Amino acid sequence: NIATGVFVDFAFQASQLDPHLRIQDQLAQQDKYTRELQRIFEAADRDASGSLSWEEFEDHLGDVRIAAYLSSLGLDVGEAR
């Protein structure tokens, strides 16, 4: 376990030094957030119209779990209202 921990720590530190890996990680993270936000907004589309009405949007933002998740992404739900 100690050897694994040392290896993981070394790999993490090495990746922080390589700008290409940092960029790749950032792009992967953005892709993940995009997919998660798409899933969130698809769930908010109650009538399956393919677009959100203002009412659907506001109702979905009223869900504390959604608001907390968006807040964790640095998005201020209060500004959307």
N, C-alpha and C. Protein backbone atom coordinates (compact mmCIF):
# COMPACT_ATOMS: atom_id res chain seq x y z
N ASN A 1 0.81 -1.20 0.00
CA ASN A 1 0.00 0.00 0.00
C ASN A 1 0.86 1.27 0.00
N ILE A 2 1.95 1.23 0.74
CA ILE A 2 2.81 2.41 0.80
C ILE A 2 3.44 2.66 -0.57
N ALA A 3 3.89 1.59 -1.22
CA ALA A 3 4.50 1.75 -2.54
C ALA A 3 3.49 2.32 -3.54
N THR A 4 2.28 1.84 -3.46
CA THR A 4 1.23 2.36 -4.35
C THR A 4 0.98 3.83 -4.08
N GLY A 5 0.91 4.20 -2.82
CA GLY A 5 0.70 5.60 -2.45
C GLY A 5 1.81 6.50 -2.96
N VAL A 6 3.04 6.03 -2.83
CA VAL A 6 4.19 6.81 -3.31
C VAL A 6 4.12 6.96 -4.82
N PHE A 7 3.79 5.87 -5.52
CA PHE A 7 3.70 5.92 -6.98
C PHE A 7 2.60 6.87 -7.43
N VAL A 8 1.43 6.79 -6.80
CA VAL A 8 0.31 7.67 -7.16
C VAL A 8 0.69 9.12 -6.90
N ASP A 9 1.32 9.38 -5.78
CA ASP A 9 1.74 10.75 -5.46
C ASP A 9 2.75 11.26 -6.48
N PHE A 10 3.70 10.42 -6.85
CA PHE A 10 4.70 10.81 -7.84
C PHE A 10 4.03 11.08 -9.19
N ALA A 11 3.13 10.21 -9.59
CA ALA A 11 2.44 10.39 -10.88
C ALA A 11 1.62 11.68 -10.87
N PHE A 12 0.98 11.96 -9.75
CA PHE A 12 0.19 13.20 -9.64
C PHE A 12 1.10 14.41 -9.76
N GLN A 13 2.21 14.41 -9.05
CA GLN A 13 3.13 15.54 -9.11
C GLN A 13 3.71 15.71 -10.51
N ALA A 14 4.03 14.62 -11.17
CA ALA A 14 4.57 14.69 -12.52
C ALA A 14 3.52 15.25 -13.48
N SER A 15 2.27 14.87 -13.30
CA SER A 15 1.22 15.37 -14.19
C SER A 15 1.00 16.86 -13.99
N GLN A 16 1.25 17.35 -12.80
CA GLN A 16 1.09 18.78 -12.54
C GLN A 16 2.17 19.60 -13.24
N LEU A 17 3.29 18.97 -13.53
CA LEU A 17 4.39 19.67 -14.18
C LEU A 17 4.23 19.69 -15.70
N ASP A 18 3.49 18.76 -16.25
CA ASP A 18 3.34 18.66 -17.70
C ASP A 18 2.11 19.46 -18.14
N PRO A 19 2.32 20.58 -18.82
CA PRO A 19 1.18 21.42 -19.22
C PRO A 19 0.21 20.70 -20.16
N HIS A 20 0.71 19.78 -20.97
CA HIS A 20 -0.17 19.06 -21.89
C HIS A 20 -1.13 18.17 -21.11
N LEU A 21 -0.64 17.53 -20.06
CA LEU A 21 -1.51 16.70 -19.23
C LEU A 21 -2.52 17.55 -18.48
N ARG A 22 -2.10 18.72 -18.01
CA ARG A 22 -3.04 19.61 -17.31
C ARG A 22 -4.14 20.06 -18.26
N ILE A 23 -3.77 20.39 -19.48
CA ILE A 23 -4.77 20.81 -20.47
C ILE A 23 -5.72 19.65 -20.78
N GLN A 24 -5.16 18.47 -20.97
CA GLN A 24 -5.97 17.30 -21.25
C GLN A 24 -6.94 17.02 -20.10
N ASP A 25 -6.44 17.13 -18.87
CA ASP A 25 -7.30 16.93 -17.70
C ASP A 25 -8.41 17.97 -17.65
N GLN A 26 -8.08 19.22 -17.95
CA GLN A 26 -9.06 20.30 -17.94
C GLN A 26 -10.15 20.06 -18.98
N LEU A 27 -9.75 19.64 -20.17
CA LEU A 27 -10.72 19.36 -21.22
C LEU A 27 -11.62 18.18 -20.86
N ALA A 28 -11.04 17.17 -20.24
CA ALA A 28 -11.83 16.02 -19.81
C ALA A 28 -12.83 16.43 -18.74
N GLN A 29 -12.41 17.29 -17.83
CA GLN A 29 -13.30 17.78 -16.77
C GLN A 29 -14.44 18.60 -17.37
N GLN A 30 -14.13 19.45 -18.35
CA GLN A 30 -15.17 20.25 -19.00
C GLN A 30 -16.16 19.36 -19.73
N ASP A 31 -15.66 18.32 -20.38
CA ASP A 31 -16.54 17.37 -21.07
C ASP A 31 -17.47 16.68 -20.09
N LYS A 32 -16.92 16.30 -18.94
CA LYS A 32 -17.73 15.66 -17.90
C LYS A 32 -18.82 16.60 -17.42
N TYR A 33 -18.47 17.85 -17.13
CA TYR A 33 -19.47 18.82 -16.68
C TYR A 33 -20.53 19.07 -17.74
N THR A 34 -20.12 19.12 -19.00
CA THR A 34 -21.08 19.33 -20.08
C THR A 34 -22.09 18.19 -20.15
N ARG A 35 -21.61 16.96 -20.04
CA ARG A 35 -22.52 15.80 -20.06
C ARG A 35 -23.45 15.83 -18.86
N GLU A 36 -22.92 16.17 -17.68
CA GLU A 36 -23.76 16.20 -16.48
C GLU A 36 -24.81 17.31 -16.58
N LEU A 37 -24.43 18.48 -17.09
CA LEU A 37 -25.40 19.56 -17.24
C LEU A 37 -26.45 19.20 -18.28
N GLN A 38 -26.05 18.54 -19.35
CA GLN A 38 -27.02 18.11 -20.35
C GLN A 38 -28.03 17.15 -19.72
N ARG A 39 -27.55 16.22 -18.91
CA ARG A 39 -28.43 15.27 -18.23
C ARG A 39 -29.40 16.00 -17.31
N ILE A 40 -28.89 16.99 -16.58
CA ILE A 40 -29.73 17.77 -15.67
C ILE A 40 -30.84 18.49 -16.43
N PHE A 41 -30.49 19.13 -17.53
CA PHE A 41 -31.49 19.89 -18.27
C PHE A 41 -32.44 18.98 -19.05
N GLU A 42 -31.98 17.82 -19.46
CA GLU A 42 -32.89 16.87 -20.09
C GLU A 42 -33.93 16.38 -19.07
N ALA A 43 -33.50 16.18 -17.83
CA ALA A 43 -34.44 15.77 -16.79
C ALA A 43 -35.44 16.87 -16.47
N ALA A 44 -35.03 18.12 -16.64
CA ALA A 44 -35.92 19.25 -16.36
C ALA A 44 -36.98 19.41 -17.43
N ASP A 45 -36.75 18.87 -18.62
CA ASP A 45 -37.68 18.99 -19.74
C ASP A 45 -38.82 17.99 -19.55
N ARG A 46 -39.77 18.35 -18.70
CA ARG A 46 -40.85 17.44 -18.31
C ARG A 46 -41.73 17.03 -19.49
N ASP A 47 -41.95 17.90 -20.44
CA ASP A 47 -42.84 17.56 -21.55
C ASP A 47 -42.08 16.96 -22.75
N ALA A 48 -40.79 16.73 -22.57
CA ALA A 48 -39.94 16.10 -23.60
C ALA A 48 -40.01 16.84 -24.94
N SER A 49 -40.09 18.14 -24.87
CA SER A 49 -40.18 18.94 -26.09
C SER A 49 -38.82 19.19 -26.73
N GLY A 50 -37.76 18.92 -25.97
CA GLY A 50 -36.42 19.19 -26.48
C GLY A 50 -35.92 20.57 -26.11
N SER A 51 -36.77 21.34 -25.45
CA SER A 51 -36.36 22.66 -24.96
C SER A 51 -37.04 22.89 -23.61
N LEU A 52 -36.47 23.82 -22.86
CA LEU A 52 -37.02 24.11 -21.53
C LEU A 52 -37.86 25.37 -21.57
N SER A 53 -39.02 25.28 -20.96
CA SER A 53 -39.78 26.50 -20.74
C SER A 53 -39.18 27.17 -19.51
N TRP A 54 -39.49 28.43 -19.32
CA TRP A 54 -38.99 29.13 -18.14
C TRP A 54 -39.51 28.45 -16.87
N GLU A 55 -40.76 28.00 -16.92
CA GLU A 55 -41.35 27.33 -15.75
C GLU A 55 -40.61 26.04 -15.42
N GLU A 56 -40.31 25.22 -16.45
CA GLU A 56 -39.55 23.99 -16.22
C GLU A 56 -38.18 24.31 -15.63
N PHE A 57 -37.54 25.33 -16.17
CA PHE A 57 -36.21 25.74 -15.72
C PHE A 57 -36.25 26.17 -14.25
N GLU A 58 -37.19 27.04 -13.91
CA GLU A 58 -37.29 27.51 -12.52
C GLU A 58 -37.64 26.39 -11.56
N ASP A 59 -38.56 25.53 -11.96
CA ASP A 59 -38.94 24.40 -11.10
C ASP A 59 -37.74 23.51 -10.81
N HIS A 60 -36.95 23.25 -11.83
CA HIS A 60 -35.79 22.37 -11.66
C HIS A 60 -34.73 23.02 -10.77
N LEU A 61 -34.57 24.34 -10.91
CA LEU A 61 -33.60 25.03 -10.06
C LEU A 61 -34.07 25.08 -8.61
N GLY A 62 -35.37 24.88 -8.39
CA GLY A 62 -35.90 24.85 -7.04
C GLY A 62 -35.52 23.59 -6.28
N ASP A 63 -35.05 22.57 -6.98
CA ASP A 63 -34.60 21.33 -6.35
C ASP A 63 -33.26 21.61 -5.67
N VAL A 64 -33.20 21.43 -4.36
CA VAL A 64 -31.98 21.77 -3.61
C VAL A 64 -30.78 20.96 -4.07
N ARG A 65 -31.00 19.74 -4.55
CA ARG A 65 -29.88 18.92 -5.04
C ARG A 65 -29.29 19.52 -6.30
N ILE A 66 -30.16 20.00 -7.18
CA ILE A 66 -29.69 20.61 -8.43
C ILE A 66 -28.96 21.91 -8.11
N ALA A 67 -29.56 22.72 -7.23
CA ALA A 67 -28.93 23.99 -6.84
C ALA A 67 -27.57 23.75 -6.21
N ALA A 68 -27.47 22.73 -5.35
CA ALA A 68 -26.19 22.43 -4.70
C ALA A 68 -25.15 21.97 -5.73
N TYR A 69 -25.58 21.14 -6.67
CA TYR A 69 -24.63 20.68 -7.69
C TYR A 69 -24.14 21.85 -8.54
N LEU A 70 -25.06 22.69 -8.99
CA LEU A 70 -24.65 23.83 -9.81
C LEU A 70 -23.75 24.77 -9.02
N SER A 71 -24.03 24.92 -7.74
CA SER A 71 -23.18 25.75 -6.88
C SER A 71 -21.78 25.15 -6.78
N SER A 72 -21.69 23.83 -6.74
CA SER A 72 -20.38 23.18 -6.66
C SER A 72 -19.56 23.42 -7.92
N LEU A 73 -20.24 23.75 -9.02
CA LEU A 73 -19.55 24.08 -10.27
C LEU A 73 -19.21 25.56 -10.36
N GLY A 74 -19.57 26.30 -9.31
CA GLY A 74 -19.29 27.73 -9.30
C GLY A 74 -20.37 28.55 -9.97
N LEU A 75 -21.53 27.95 -10.20
CA LEU A 75 -22.64 28.64 -10.83
C LEU A 75 -23.59 29.16 -9.74
N ASP A 76 -23.96 30.41 -9.84
CA ASP A 76 -24.86 31.02 -8.86
C ASP A 76 -26.28 30.89 -9.37
N VAL A 77 -27.05 30.00 -8.75
CA VAL A 77 -28.42 29.74 -9.18
C VAL A 77 -29.28 30.99 -9.02
N GLY A 78 -28.97 31.82 -8.03
CA GLY A 78 -29.72 33.05 -7.81
C GLY A 78 -29.65 34.00 -8.99
N GLU A 79 -28.54 33.98 -9.72
CA GLU A 79 -28.40 34.86 -10.88
C GLU A 79 -29.29 34.41 -12.03
N ALA A 80 -29.69 33.15 -12.04
CA ALA A 80 -30.52 32.63 -13.14
C ALA A 80 -31.97 33.05 -12.99
N ARG A 81 -32.34 33.46 -11.81
CA ARG A 81 -33.75 33.78 -11.58
C ARG A 81 -33.95 35.20 -11.83
